[in-house]
PDB file of N, CA and C in Angstrom:
ATOM      1  N   MET A   1      -1.202 -13.308  46.793  1.00  0.00           N
ATOM      2  CA  MET A   1      -1.765 -13.729  46.879  1.00  0.00           C
ATOM      3  C   MET A   1      -2.953 -15.351  47.463  1.00  0.00           C
ATOM      4  N   SER A   2      -3.153 -14.927  47.862  1.00  0.00           N
ATOM      5  CA  SER A   2      -3.844 -16.411  48.509  1.00  0.00           C
ATOM      6  C   SER A   2      -4.351 -17.679  47.790  1.00  0.00           C
ATOM      7  N   ALA A   3      -4.059 -19.174  47.441  1.00  0.00           N
ATOM      8  CA  ALA A   3      -4.555 -20.434  47.194  1.00  0.00           C
ATOM      9  C   ALA A   3      -6.376 -20.118  46.741  1.00  0.00           C
ATOM     10  N   ASP A   4      -6.778 -19.709  47.879  1.00  0.00           N
ATOM     11  CA  ASP A   4      -8.286 -19.402  48.199  1.00  0.00           C
ATOM     12  C   ASP A   4      -9.135 -18.842  46.946  1.00  0.00           C
ATOM     13  N   ASN A   5      -8.405 -17.780  47.044  1.00  0.00           N
ATOM     14  CA  ASN A   5      -8.772 -15.673  46.613  1.00  0.00           C
ATOM     15  C   ASN A   5      -7.820 -16.105  44.652  1.00  0.00           C
ATOM     16  N   ASP A   6      -7.915 -17.392  44.163  1.00  0.00           N
ATOM     17  CA  ASP A   6      -7.053 -17.851  42.884  1.00  0.00           C
ATOM     18  C   ASP A   6      -8.374 -17.025  42.136  1.00  0.00           C
ATOM     19  N   LEU A   7      -8.007 -16.504  41.013  1.00  0.00           N
ATOM     20  CA  LEU A   7      -9.144 -16.564  39.923  1.00  0.00           C
ATOM     21  C   LEU A   7      -9.334 -17.485  39.189  1.00  0.00           C
ATOM     22  N   LYS A   8     -10.510 -18.096  39.139  1.00  0.00           N
ATOM     23  CA  LYS A   8     -10.899 -19.409  37.821  1.00  0.00           C
ATOM     24  C   LYS A   8     -11.074 -18.875  36.598  1.00  0.00           C
ATOM     25  N   LEU A   9     -10.393 -19.626  35.600  1.00  0.00           N
ATOM     26  CA  LEU A   9     -10.695 -19.198  34.460  1.00  0.00           C
ATOM     27  C   LEU A   9     -11.303 -20.658  34.047  1.00  0.00           C
ATOM     28  N   PRO A  10     -13.099 -20.775  32.896  1.00  0.00           N
ATOM     29  CA  PRO A  10     -13.082 -21.377  32.379  1.00  0.00           C
ATOM     30  C   PRO A  10     -12.351 -22.249  31.267  1.00  0.00           C
ATOM     31  N   PRO A  11     -12.000 -23.519  31.512  1.00  0.00           N
ATOM     32  CA  PRO A  11     -10.582 -23.669  30.096  1.00  0.00           C
ATOM     33  C   PRO A  11     -10.418 -23.602  28.349  1.00  0.00           C
ATOM     34  N   LEU A  12      -9.472 -23.596  28.059  1.00  0.00           N
ATOM     35  CA  LEU A  12      -9.645 -22.409  26.677  1.00  0.00           C
ATOM     36  C   LEU A  12      -9.793 -23.667  25.579  1.00  0.00           C
ATOM     37  N   ASN A  13     -10.165 -23.460  24.344  1.00  0.00           N
ATOM     38  CA  ASN A  13     -10.778 -24.188  23.502  1.00  0.00           C
ATOM     39  C   ASN A  13     -10.178 -23.888  22.185  1.00  0.00           C
ATOM     40  N   PRO A  14      -8.890 -24.897  21.851  1.00  0.00           N
ATOM     41  CA  PRO A  14      -8.600 -23.725  21.161  1.00  0.00           C
ATOM     42  C   PRO A  14      -9.142 -24.145  19.170  1.00  0.00           C
ATOM     43  N   ALA A  15      -9.964 -24.427  19.612  1.00  0.00           N
ATOM     44  CA  ALA A  15     -11.337 -24.765  18.291  1.00  0.00           C
ATOM     45  C   ALA A  15     -11.612 -23.248  18.453  1.00  0.00           C
ATOM     46  N   ASP A  16     -11.971 -22.623  19.079  1.00  0.00           N
ATOM     47  CA  ASP A  16     -11.919 -20.726  18.987  1.00  0.00           C
ATOM     48  C   ASP A  16     -11.631 -19.714  18.691  1.00  0.00           C
ATOM     49  N   LEU A  17     -10.223 -20.231  18.600  1.00  0.00           N
ATOM     50  CA  LEU A  17      -9.078 -18.444  18.365  1.00  0.00           C
ATOM     51  C   LEU A  17      -8.797 -19.111  17.049  1.00  0.00           C
ATOM     52  N   SER A  18      -8.829 -18.050  16.371  1.00  0.00           N
ATOM     53  CA  SER A  18      -7.873 -18.027  14.991  1.00  0.00           C
ATOM     54  C   SER A  18      -6.542 -17.575  15.464  1.00  0.00           C
ATOM     55  N   PHE A  19      -5.177 -17.703  14.599  1.00  0.00           N
ATOM     56  CA  PHE A  19      -4.427 -16.362  14.722  1.00  0.00           C
ATOM     57  C   PHE A  19      -4.450 -15.815  12.967  1.00  0.00           C
ATOM     58  N   ASP A  20      -3.705 -14.755  13.219  1.00  0.00           N
ATOM     59  CA  ASP A  20      -3.135 -13.817  11.718  1.00  0.00           C
ATOM     60  C   ASP A  20      -1.777 -14.072  11.688  1.00  0.00           C
ATOM     61  N   ASN A  21      -2.138 -15.023  10.179  1.00  0.00           N
ATOM     62  CA  ASN A  21      -0.705 -14.173  10.028  1.00  0.00           C
ATOM     63  C   ASN A  21       0.527 -15.353  10.975  1.00  0.00           C
ATOM     64  N   ASN A  22      -0.115 -16.032  11.054  1.00  0.00           N
ATOM     65  CA  ASN A  22       1.182 -17.810  12.379  1.00  0.00           C
ATOM     66  C   ASN A  22       1.463 -16.503  13.318  1.00  0.00           C
ATOM     67  N   ASP A  23       0.203 -15.794  13.570  1.00  0.00           N
ATOM     68  CA  ASP A  23       0.995 -14.914  14.780  1.00  0.00           C
ATOM     69  C   ASP A  23      -0.071 -15.145  16.311  1.00  0.00           C
ATOM     70  N   ALA A  24       0.974 -15.767  16.987  1.00  0.00           N
ATOM     71  CA  ALA A  24      -0.463 -16.181  17.947  1.00  0.00           C
ATOM     72  C   ALA A  24      -0.487 -15.513  19.735  1.00  0.00           C
ATOM     73  N   SER A  25      -0.026 -14.317  19.174  1.00  0.00           N
ATOM     74  CA  SER A  25      -0.132 -13.085  19.950  1.00  0.00           C
ATOM     75  C   SER A  25      -1.292 -12.392  19.995  1.00  0.00           C
ATOM     76  N   VAL A  26      -1.482 -13.024  18.590  1.00  0.00           N
ATOM     77  CA  VAL A  26      -3.430 -11.914  18.338  1.00  0.00           C
ATOM     78  C   VAL A  26      -4.319 -13.409  17.783  1.00  0.00           C
ATOM     79  N   ALA A  27      -4.951 -13.427  19.297  1.00  0.00           N
ATOM     80  CA  ALA A  27      -5.888 -13.784  19.312  1.00  0.00           C
ATOM     81  C   ALA A  27      -7.535 -13.685  19.052  1.00  0.00           C
ATOM     82  N   ARG A  28      -8.045 -14.446  18.260  1.00  0.00           N
ATOM     83  CA  ARG A  28      -9.822 -13.747  17.372  1.00  0.00           C
ATOM     84  C   ARG A  28     -10.529 -15.101  18.343  1.00  0.00           C
ATOM     85  N   SER A  29     -11.939 -14.338  18.765  1.00  0.00           N
ATOM     86  CA  SER A  29     -12.877 -15.830  18.813  1.00  0.00           C
ATOM     87  C   SER A  29     -13.959 -15.123  17.412  1.00  0.00           C
ATOM     88  N   GLY A  30     -14.259 -16.503  16.951  1.00  0.00           N
ATOM     89  CA  GLY A  30     -14.687 -16.825  15.909  1.00  0.00           C
ATOM     90  C   GLY A  30     -14.358 -16.902  14.065  1.00  0.00           C
ATOM     91  N   PRO A  31     -15.031 -17.108  13.289  1.00  0.00           N
ATOM     92  CA  PRO A  31     -14.129 -16.962  12.367  1.00  0.00           C
ATOM     93  C   PRO A  31     -14.548 -16.342  11.776  1.00  0.00           C
ATOM     94  N   ILE A  32     -13.316 -15.504  10.883  1.00  0.00           N
ATOM     95  CA  ILE A  32     -13.162 -13.797  10.204  1.00  0.00           C
ATOM     96  C   ILE A  32     -14.120 -13.864   9.254  1.00  0.00           C
ATOM     97  N   PRO A  33     -15.067 -13.256   8.426  1.00  0.00           N
ATOM     98  CA  PRO A  33     -15.600 -13.403   7.527  1.00  0.00           C
ATOM     99  C   PRO A  33     -14.504 -12.386   6.492  1.00  0.00           C
ATOM    100  N   VAL A  34     -15.337 -13.360   5.320  1.00  0.00           N
ATOM    101  CA  VAL A  34     -13.921 -13.063   4.117  1.00  0.00           C
ATOM    102  C   VAL A  34     -14.203 -12.214   3.574  1.00  0.00           C
ATOM    103  N   LYS A  35     -13.923 -10.843   2.855  1.00  0.00           N
ATOM    104  CA  LYS A  35     -14.454 -10.020   2.423  1.00  0.00           C
ATOM    105  C   LYS A  35     -14.755 -10.042   0.376  1.00  0.00           C
ATOM    106  N   THR A  36     -15.870  -9.799  -0.684  1.00  0.00           N
ATOM    107  CA  THR A  36     -15.087  -9.915  -1.279  1.00  0.00           C
ATOM    108  C   THR A  36     -15.073  -8.245  -1.992  1.00  0.00           C
ATOM    109  N   ALA A  37     -15.210  -8.178  -3.552  1.00  0.00           N
ATOM    110  CA  ALA A  37     -15.315  -6.399  -3.388  1.00  0.00           C
ATOM    111  C   ALA A  37     -16.864  -6.393  -3.759  1.00  0.00           C
ATOM    112  N   GLU A  38     -18.244  -6.790  -3.511  1.00  0.00           N
ATOM    113  CA  GLU A  38     -19.039  -6.956  -3.521  1.00  0.00           C
ATOM    114  C   GLU A  38     -18.989  -6.014  -2.414  1.00  0.00           C
ATOM    115  N   ASP A  39     -18.544  -6.584  -1.490  1.00  0.00           N
ATOM    116  CA  ASP A  39     -18.000  -5.348  -0.426  1.00  0.00           C
ATOM    117  C   ASP A  39     -18.941  -3.678  -0.289  1.00  0.00           C
ATOM    118  N   LEU A  40     -17.347  -3.893  -1.575  1.00  0.00           N
ATOM    119  CA  LEU A  40     -16.715  -2.296  -1.611  1.00  0.00           C
ATOM    120  C   LEU A  40     -17.513  -1.108  -3.257  1.00  0.00           C
ATOM    121  N   GLU A  41     -18.910  -1.981  -3.225  1.00  0.00           N
ATOM    122  CA  GLU A  41     -19.980  -1.453  -4.533  1.00  0.00           C
ATOM    123  C   GLU A  41     -20.335  -0.488  -4.043  1.00  0.00           C
ATOM    124  N   GLN A  42     -20.134  -0.294  -3.437  1.00  0.00           N
ATOM    125  CA  GLN A  42     -21.049   1.319  -2.089  1.00  0.00           C
ATOM    126  C   GLN A  42     -19.852   2.725  -2.872  1.00  0.00           C
ATOM    127  N   VAL A  43     -19.029   2.467  -2.717  1.00  0.00           N
ATOM    128  CA  VAL A  43     -17.782   3.480  -3.186  1.00  0.00           C
ATOM    129  C   VAL A  43     -16.828   3.343  -5.029  1.00  0.00           C
ATOM    130  N   PHE A  44     -17.648   2.483  -5.594  1.00  0.00           N
ATOM    131  CA  PHE A  44     -17.156   2.131  -6.826  1.00  0.00           C
ATOM    132  C   PHE A  44     -16.879   3.715  -8.065  1.00  0.00           C
ATOM    133  N   ASP A  45     -18.074   4.645  -8.048  1.00  0.00           N
ATOM    134  CA  ASP A  45     -17.936   5.254  -8.642  1.00  0.00           C
ATOM    135  C   ASP A  45     -17.616   6.512  -8.047  1.00  0.00           C
ATOM    136  N   VAL A  46     -16.203   6.307  -6.320  1.00  0.00           N
ATOM    137  CA  VAL A  46     -16.355   7.525  -6.018  1.00  0.00           C
ATOM    138  C   VAL A  46     -14.479   8.270  -6.536  1.00  0.00           C
ATOM    139  N   PRO A  47     -14.464   9.200  -7.137  1.00  0.00           N
ATOM    140  CA  PRO A  47     -13.055   9.840  -8.010  1.00  0.00           C
ATOM    141  C   PRO A  47     -11.579  10.160  -7.598  1.00  0.00           C
ATOM    142  N   VAL A  48     -10.947   8.950  -8.365  1.00  0.00           N
ATOM    143  CA  VAL A  48      -9.943   9.316  -6.604  1.00  0.00           C
ATOM    144  C   VAL A  48      -8.593   9.566  -7.990  1.00  0.00           C
ATOM    145  N   ASN A  49      -7.379  10.089  -7.553  1.00  0.00           N
ATOM    146  CA  ASN A  49      -6.673  10.484  -8.251  1.00  0.00           C
ATOM    147  C   ASN A  49      -5.552  10.114  -8.221  1.00  0.00           C
ATOM    148  N   VAL A  50      -5.203   9.244  -9.385  1.00  0.00           N
ATOM    149  CA  VAL A  50      -3.972   7.961  -9.400  1.00  0.00           C
ATOM    150  C   VAL A  50      -2.446   8.652 -10.445  1.00  0.00           C
ATOM    151  N   SER A  51      -1.173   9.198  -9.389  1.00  0.00           N
ATOM    152  CA  SER A  51       0.079   9.516  -9.762  1.00  0.00           C
ATOM    153  C   SER A  51       0.743   7.885  -9.687  1.00  0.00           C
ATOM    154  N   ALA A  52       1.600   8.030 -10.823  1.00  0.00           N
ATOM    155  CA  ALA A  52       2.810   7.452 -10.822  1.00  0.00           C
ATOM    156  C   ALA A  52       3.578   8.353 -11.704  1.00  0.00           C
ATOM    157  N   VAL A  53       4.450   8.436 -10.584  1.00  0.00           N
ATOM    158  CA  VAL A  53       6.010   9.399 -10.014  1.00  0.00           C
ATOM    159  C   VAL A  53       7.676   8.228 -10.781  1.00  0.00           C
ATOM    160  N   LEU A  54       7.788   9.207 -11.322  1.00  0.00           N
ATOM    161  CA  LEU A  54       9.231   8.719 -11.474  1.00  0.00           C
ATOM    162  C   LEU A  54      10.070   8.853 -11.672  1.00  0.00           C
ATOM    163  N   GLY A  55      10.063   9.680 -11.265  1.00  0.00           N
ATOM    164  CA  GLY A  55      11.503  10.290 -10.099  1.00  0.00           C
ATOM    165  C   GLY A  55      11.876  11.743  -9.203  1.00  0.00           C
ATOM    166  N   SER A  56      12.467  13.206  -9.079  1.00  0.00           N
ATOM    167  CA  SER A  56      12.091  14.047  -9.121  1.00  0.00           C
ATOM    168  C   SER A  56      13.355  14.150  -8.614  1.00  0.00           C
ATOM    169  N   SER A  57      13.143  15.583  -8.582  1.00  0.00           N
ATOM    170  CA  SER A  57      15.104  16.350  -8.819  1.00  0.00           C
ATOM    171  C   SER A  57      14.743  17.377  -7.942  1.00  0.00           C
ATOM    172  N   LYS A  58      15.634  18.470  -7.565  1.00  0.00           N
ATOM    173  CA  LYS A  58      15.928  19.208  -7.519  1.00  0.00           C
ATOM    174  C   LYS A  58      16.449  20.621  -8.062  1.00  0.00           C
ATOM    175  N   ILE A  59      16.018  21.729  -8.537  1.00  0.00           N
ATOM    176  CA  ILE A  59      16.570  22.657  -9.511  1.00  0.00           C
ATOM    177  C   ILE A  59      16.297  23.950  -9.710  1.00  0.00           C
ATOM    178  N   ALA A  60      17.699  24.944  -9.248  1.00  0.00           N
ATOM    179  CA  ALA A  60      16.577  26.271  -8.806  1.00  0.00           C
ATOM    180  C   ALA A  60      15.942  27.722 -10.101  1.00  0.00           C
ATOM    181  N   ILE A  61      15.047  27.652  -9.676  1.00  0.00           N
ATOM    182  CA  ILE A  61      14.646  28.258 -10.359  1.00  0.00           C
ATOM    183  C   ILE A  61      14.696  29.036 -12.253  1.00  0.00           C
ATOM    184  N   GLY A  62      15.827  28.899 -11.657  1.00  0.00           N
ATOM    185  CA  GLY A  62      16.914  30.730 -12.783  1.00  0.00           C
ATOM    186  C   GLY A  62      16.997  29.490 -13.815  1.00  0.00           C
ATOM    187  N   ASP A  63      17.377  28.083 -13.269  1.00  0.00           N
ATOM    188  CA  ASP A  63      17.264  27.092 -14.554  1.00  0.00           C
ATOM    189  C   ASP A  63      16.466  26.190 -14.692  1.00  0.00           C
ATOM    190  N   LEU A  64      15.538  26.308 -14.525  1.00  0.00           N
ATOM    191  CA  LEU A  64      13.902  26.058 -14.936  1.00  0.00           C
ATOM    192  C   LEU A  64      13.552  26.961 -15.649  1.00  0.00           C
ATOM    193  N   LEU A  65      14.186  28.360 -15.593  1.00  0.00           N
ATOM    194  CA  LEU A  65      13.326  28.815 -16.657  1.00  0.00           C
ATOM    195  C   LEU A  65      14.325  28.500 -17.673  1.00  0.00           C
ATOM    196  N   GLN A  66      14.758  28.469 -18.084  1.00  0.00           N
ATOM    197  CA  GLN A  66      16.259  28.050 -19.362  1.00  0.00           C
ATOM    198  C   GLN A  66      15.611  26.954 -19.699  1.00  0.00           C
ATOM    199  N   ILE A  67      14.800  25.260 -18.570  1.00  0.00           N
ATOM    200  CA  ILE A  67      14.893  24.447 -19.842  1.00  0.00           C
ATOM    201  C   ILE A  67      14.087  24.763 -20.584  1.00  0.00           C
ATOM    202  N   VAL A  68      14.282  24.657 -22.332  1.00  0.00           N
ATOM    203  CA  VAL A  68      13.503  24.151 -23.707  1.00  0.00           C
ATOM    204  C   VAL A  68      12.876  22.847 -23.778  1.00  0.00           C
ATOM    205  N   PRO A  69      11.560  22.490 -24.903  1.00  0.00           N
ATOM    206  CA  PRO A  69      12.128  21.276 -25.697  1.00  0.00           C
ATOM    207  C   PRO A  69      12.845  20.438 -26.054  1.00  0.00           C
ATOM    208  N   GLY A  70      13.255  19.182 -25.791  1.00  0.00           N
ATOM    209  CA  GLY A  70      14.222  18.474 -25.496  1.00  0.00           C
ATOM    210  C   GLY A  70      15.145  18.476 -24.477  1.00  0.00           C
ATOM    211  N   ALA A  71      14.881  19.113 -23.578  1.00  0.00           N
ATOM    212  CA  ALA A  71      15.765  18.971 -22.713  1.00  0.00           C
ATOM    213  C   ALA A  71      16.424  17.943 -21.794  1.00  0.00           C
ATOM    214  N   VAL A  72      17.170  17.034 -20.980  1.00  0.00           N
ATOM    215  CA  VAL A  72      17.534  16.110 -19.995  1.00  0.00           C
ATOM    216  C   VAL A  72      16.920  16.608 -18.100  1.00  0.00           C
ATOM    217  N   LEU A  73      16.396  16.262 -18.205  1.00  0.00           N
ATOM    218  CA  LEU A  73      16.558  16.497 -16.559  1.00  0.00           C
ATOM    219  C   LEU A  73      16.629  15.186 -15.792  1.00  0.00           C
ATOM    220  N   GLU A  74      17.903  15.467 -15.044  1.00  0.00           N
ATOM    221  CA  GLU A  74      18.279  14.414 -14.678  1.00  0.00           C
ATOM    222  C   GLU A  74      17.793  13.651 -12.949  1.00  0.00           C
ATOM    223  N   LEU A  75      17.115  12.231 -12.691  1.00  0.00           N
ATOM    224  CA  LEU A  75      15.266  12.174 -12.276  1.00  0.00           C
ATOM    225  C   LEU A  75      16.441  11.222 -10.737  1.00  0.00           C
ATOM    226  N   ASP A  76      16.701  11.207  -9.735  1.00  0.00           N
ATOM    227  CA  ASP A  76      16.964  10.402  -7.974  1.00  0.00           C
ATOM    228  C   ASP A  76      16.196   9.154  -8.817  1.00  0.00           C
ATOM    229  N   ARG A  77      15.838   8.709  -9.894  1.00  0.00           N
ATOM    230  CA  ARG A  77      16.211   7.081  -9.649  1.00  0.00           C
ATOM    231  C   ARG A  77      16.453   6.452 -11.177  1.00  0.00           C
ATOM    232  N   ARG A  78      17.615   5.389 -11.083  1.00  0.00           N
ATOM    233  CA  ARG A  78      17.784   4.616 -12.471  1.00  0.00           C
ATOM    234  C   ARG A  78      16.733   3.918 -13.007  1.00  0.00           C
ATOM    235  N   VAL A  79      17.503   3.678 -14.371  1.00  0.00           N
ATOM    236  CA  VAL A  79      16.990   2.922 -15.231  1.00  0.00           C
ATOM    237  C   VAL A  79      15.842   1.703 -15.069  1.00  0.00           C
ATOM    238  N   GLY A  80      15.327   1.328 -14.596  1.00  0.00           N
ATOM    239  CA  GLY A  80      14.597  -0.048 -14.402  1.00  0.00           C
ATOM    240  C   GLY A  80      14.068  -0.416 -12.582  1.00  0.00           C
ATOM    241  N   GLU A  81      14.398   1.104 -12.136  1.00  0.00           N
ATOM    242  CA  GLU A  81      14.510   1.347 -10.722  1.00  0.00           C
ATOM    243  C   GLU A  81      12.813   1.279 -10.865  1.00  0.00           C
ATOM    244  N   ALA A  82      11.817   0.802  -9.477  1.00  0.00           N
ATOM    245  CA  ALA A  82      10.584   0.419  -9.228  1.00  0.00           C
ATOM    246  C   ALA A  82       9.650   2.358  -9.059  1.00  0.00           C
ATOM    247  N   ILE A  83       9.637   2.381  -9.433  1.00  0.00           N
ATOM    248  CA  ILE A  83       8.142   3.875  -9.704  1.00  0.00           C
ATOM    249  C   ILE A  83       7.554   3.741  -8.149  1.00  0.00           C
ATOM    250  N   ASP A  84       6.831   5.284  -7.535  1.00  0.00           N
ATOM    251  CA  ASP A  84       6.248   5.102  -7.021  1.00  0.00           C
ATOM    252  C   ASP A  84       4.647   5.284  -7.482  1.00  0.00           C
ATOM    253  N   ILE A  85       3.790   5.114  -6.404  1.00  0.00           N
ATOM    254  CA  ILE A  85       1.929   4.752  -6.972  1.00  0.00           C
ATOM    255  C   ILE A  85       1.240   5.657  -5.796  1.00  0.00           C
ATOM    256  N   PHE A  86       0.969   6.971  -5.874  1.00  0.00           N
ATOM    257  CA  PHE A  86      -0.123   7.400  -5.368  1.00  0.00           C
ATOM    258  C   PHE A  86      -1.179   7.849  -5.371  1.00  0.00           C
ATOM    259  N   VAL A  87      -2.081   7.144  -4.257  1.00  0.00           N
ATOM    260  CA  VAL A  87      -3.960   7.732  -5.119  1.00  0.00           C
ATOM    261  C   VAL A  87      -4.280   8.978  -3.774  1.00  0.00           C
ATOM    262  N   ASN A  88      -4.314  10.175  -4.405  1.00  0.00           N
ATOM    263  CA  ASN A  88      -4.514  10.140  -3.260  1.00  0.00           C
ATOM    264  C   ASN A  88      -3.856  11.194  -3.159  1.00  0.00           C
ATOM    265  N   GLU A  89      -2.438  11.197  -3.270  1.00  0.00           N
ATOM    266  CA  GLU A  89      -1.257  11.331  -2.692  1.00  0.00           C
ATOM    267  C   GLU A  89      -0.633  10.562  -1.249  1.00  0.00           C
ATOM    268  N   ARG A  90      -0.973   9.941  -1.447  1.00  0.00           N
ATOM    269  CA  ARG A  90      -0.481   8.514  -0.427  1.00  0.00           C
ATOM    270  C   ARG A  90      -0.008   7.262  -1.182  1.00  0.00           C
ATOM    271  N   LEU A  91       1.209   7.362  -1.415  1.00  0.00           N
ATOM    272  CA  LEU A  91       1.635   5.761  -1.263  1.00  0.00           C
ATOM    273  C   LEU A  91       1.302   4.615  -1.094  1.00  0.00           C
ATOM    274  N   VAL A  92       1.077   3.742  -2.541  1.00  0.00           N
ATOM    275  CA  VAL A  92       0.169   3.516  -1.784  1.00  0.00           C
ATOM    276  C   VAL A  92       0.665   1.147  -3.473  1.00  0.00           C
ATOM    277  N   ALA A  93       1.646   2.078  -3.846  1.00  0.00           N
ATOM    278  CA  ALA A  93       1.628   0.670  -4.750  1.00  0.00           C
ATOM    279  C   ALA A  93       3.985   1.016  -5.129  1.00  0.00           C
ATOM    280  N   ARG A  94       4.378   0.365  -4.982  1.00  0.00           N
ATOM    281  CA  ARG A  94       5.347   0.353  -6.266  1.00  0.00           C
ATOM    282  C   ARG A  94       4.744  -0.534  -7.986  1.00  0.00           C
ATOM    283  N   GLY A  95       5.775  -0.117  -8.779  1.00  0.00           N
ATOM    284  CA  GLY A  95       5.512  -0.595  -9.918  1.00  0.00           C
ATOM    285  C   GLY A  95       6.832  -0.755 -11.274  1.00  0.00           C
ATOM    286  N   GLU A  96       5.890  -0.773 -12.236  1.00  0.00           N
ATOM    287  CA  GLU A  96       7.339  -0.395 -13.394  1.00  0.00           C
ATOM    288  C   GLU A  96       6.197   0.327 -14.721  1.00  0.00           C
ATOM    289  N   VAL A  97       7.026   0.948 -15.232  1.00  0.00           N
ATOM    290  CA  VAL A  97       6.855   1.482 -16.710  1.00  0.00           C
ATOM    291  C   VAL A  97       6.497   0.080 -16.961  1.00  0.00           C
ATOM    292  N   VAL A  98       5.551   0.082 -18.839  1.00  0.00           N
ATOM    293  CA  VAL A  98       4.631  -1.058 -19.267  1.00  0.00           C
ATOM    294  C   VAL A  98       4.622   0.430 -20.505  1.00  0.00           C
ATOM    295  N   VAL A  99       4.637   0.021 -22.140  1.00  0.00           N
ATOM    296  CA  VAL A  99       4.056  -0.352 -22.948  1.00  0.00           C
ATOM    297  C   VAL A  99       3.084  -0.536 -23.019  1.00  0.00           C
ATOM    298  N   VAL A 100       1.590  -0.137 -23.406  1.00  0.00           N
ATOM    299  CA  VAL A 100       0.595  -0.984 -24.275  1.00  0.00           C
ATOM    300  C   VAL A 100       0.162  -0.682 -25.498  1.00  0.00           C
ATOM    301  N   GLU A 101       0.312  -1.280 -26.430  1.00  0.00           N
ATOM    302  CA  GLU A 101       0.673  -0.867 -27.388  1.00  0.00           C
ATOM    303  C   GLU A 101       1.178   0.512 -28.271  1.00  0.00           C
ATOM    304  N   ASP A 102       0.034   1.686 -28.304  1.00  0.00           N
ATOM    305  CA  ASP A 102       1.799   3.595 -28.329  1.00  0.00           C
ATOM    306  C   ASP A 102       1.113   3.878 -27.224  1.00  0.00           C
ATOM    307  N   ARG A 103       1.036   3.409 -25.749  1.00  0.00           N
ATOM    308  CA  ARG A 103       1.243   4.359 -24.553  1.00  0.00           C
ATOM    309  C   ARG A 103       1.768   3.618 -23.155  1.00  0.00           C
ATOM    310  N   LEU A 104       1.325   4.740 -22.332  1.00  0.00           N
ATOM    311  CA  LEU A 104       2.131   4.099 -21.696  1.00  0.00           C
ATOM    312  C   LEU A 104       1.860   4.093 -20.673  1.00  0.00           C
ATOM    313  N   GLY A 105       2.061   2.802 -19.811  1.00  0.00           N
ATOM    314  CA  GLY A 105       0.969   2.405 -18.452  1.00  0.00           C
ATOM    315  C   GLY A 105       1.782   2.199 -17.620  1.00  0.00           C
ATOM    316  N   VAL A 106       0.760   1.337 -16.701  1.00  0.00           N
ATOM    317  CA  VAL A 106       1.486   1.104 -15.300  1.00  0.00           C
ATOM    318  C   VAL A 106       1.753  -0.824 -14.533  1.00  0.00           C
ATOM    319  N   THR A 107       2.401  -1.164 -14.103  1.00  0.00           N
ATOM    320  CA  THR A 107       2.033  -1.903 -14.005  1.00  0.00           C
ATOM    321  C   THR A 107       2.349  -2.442 -12.168  1.00  0.00           C
ATOM    322  N   MET A 108       2.041  -2.519 -11.195  1.00  0.00           N
ATOM    323  CA  MET A 108       1.582  -2.377  -9.915  1.00  0.00           C
ATOM    324  C   MET A 108       2.388  -3.861  -9.520  1.00  0.00           C
ATOM    325  N   THR A 109       3.676  -3.677  -8.927  1.00  0.00           N
ATOM    326  CA  THR A 109       4.432  -4.910  -8.196  1.00  0.00           C
ATOM    327  C   THR A 109       4.968  -5.311  -7.224  1.00  0.00           C
ATOM    328  N   GLU A 110       4.501  -4.134  -5.941  1.00  0.00           N
ATOM    329  CA  GLU A 110       4.090  -4.186  -5.068  1.00  0.00           C
ATOM    330  C   GLU A 110       3.340  -3.879  -3.972  1.00  0.00           C
ATOM    331  N   ILE A 111       2.327  -3.865  -3.119  1.00  0.00           N
ATOM    332  CA  ILE A 111       1.470  -3.071  -2.323  1.00  0.00           C
ATOM    333  C   ILE A 111       1.905  -2.884  -1.836  1.00  0.00           C
ATOM    334  N   ILE A 112       2.243  -1.277  -1.016  1.00  0.00           N
ATOM    335  CA  ILE A 112       2.199  -0.562   0.734  1.00  0.00           C
ATOM    336  C   ILE A 112       1.977  -0.850   0.828  1.00  0.00           C
ATOM    337  N   LYS A 113       2.243  -1.395   2.638  1.00  0.00           N
ATOM    338  CA  LYS A 113       0.783  -1.528   4.042  1.00  0.00           C
ATOM    339  C   LYS A 113       1.471  -0.235   4.169  1.00  0.00           C
ATOM    340  N   ALA A 114      -0.611   0.406   3.545  1.00  0.00           N
ATOM    341  CA  ALA A 114      -0.323   1.669   5.517  1.00  0.00           C
ATOM    342  C   ALA A 114       0.077   1.697   6.921  1.00  0.00           C
ATOM    343  N   ASP A 115       0.180   2.175   7.689  1.00  0.00           N
ATOM    344  CA  ASP A 115       0.884   1.922   9.091  1.00  0.00           C
ATOM    345  C   ASP A 115      -0.401   2.508   9.786  1.00  0.00           C
ATOM    346  N   ARG A 116      -1.335   2.281  10.382  1.00  0.00           N
ATOM    347  CA  ARG A 116      -2.587   3.585  11.164  1.00  0.00           C
ATOM    348  C   ARG A 116      -1.637   3.566  12.349  1.00  0.00           C
TER     349      ARG A 116
END
């Protein structure tokens, strides 16, 4: 390409750009809008299924049928290891089991970012 045919670009103004997570390869023009809980108000009453999985185990059906109350079933997790928290069968977080008054609960310790 000759110098006469070179594409002329306007000068870049750094004030017009913002970068996400200090990643200079992702440029945006203009300010990034701030999201609040009020932006989600329309979905506040949508029911979701939340489950906290302590662990899993593979067992033969014959052995499963012989389990009685008080039997111990070994899981694939160790004591103190994080549990998985699913929302609508999608892993969204990891957490720990806690006791609140006389009930068990779960506290989230890590949010899992979904790759889409």
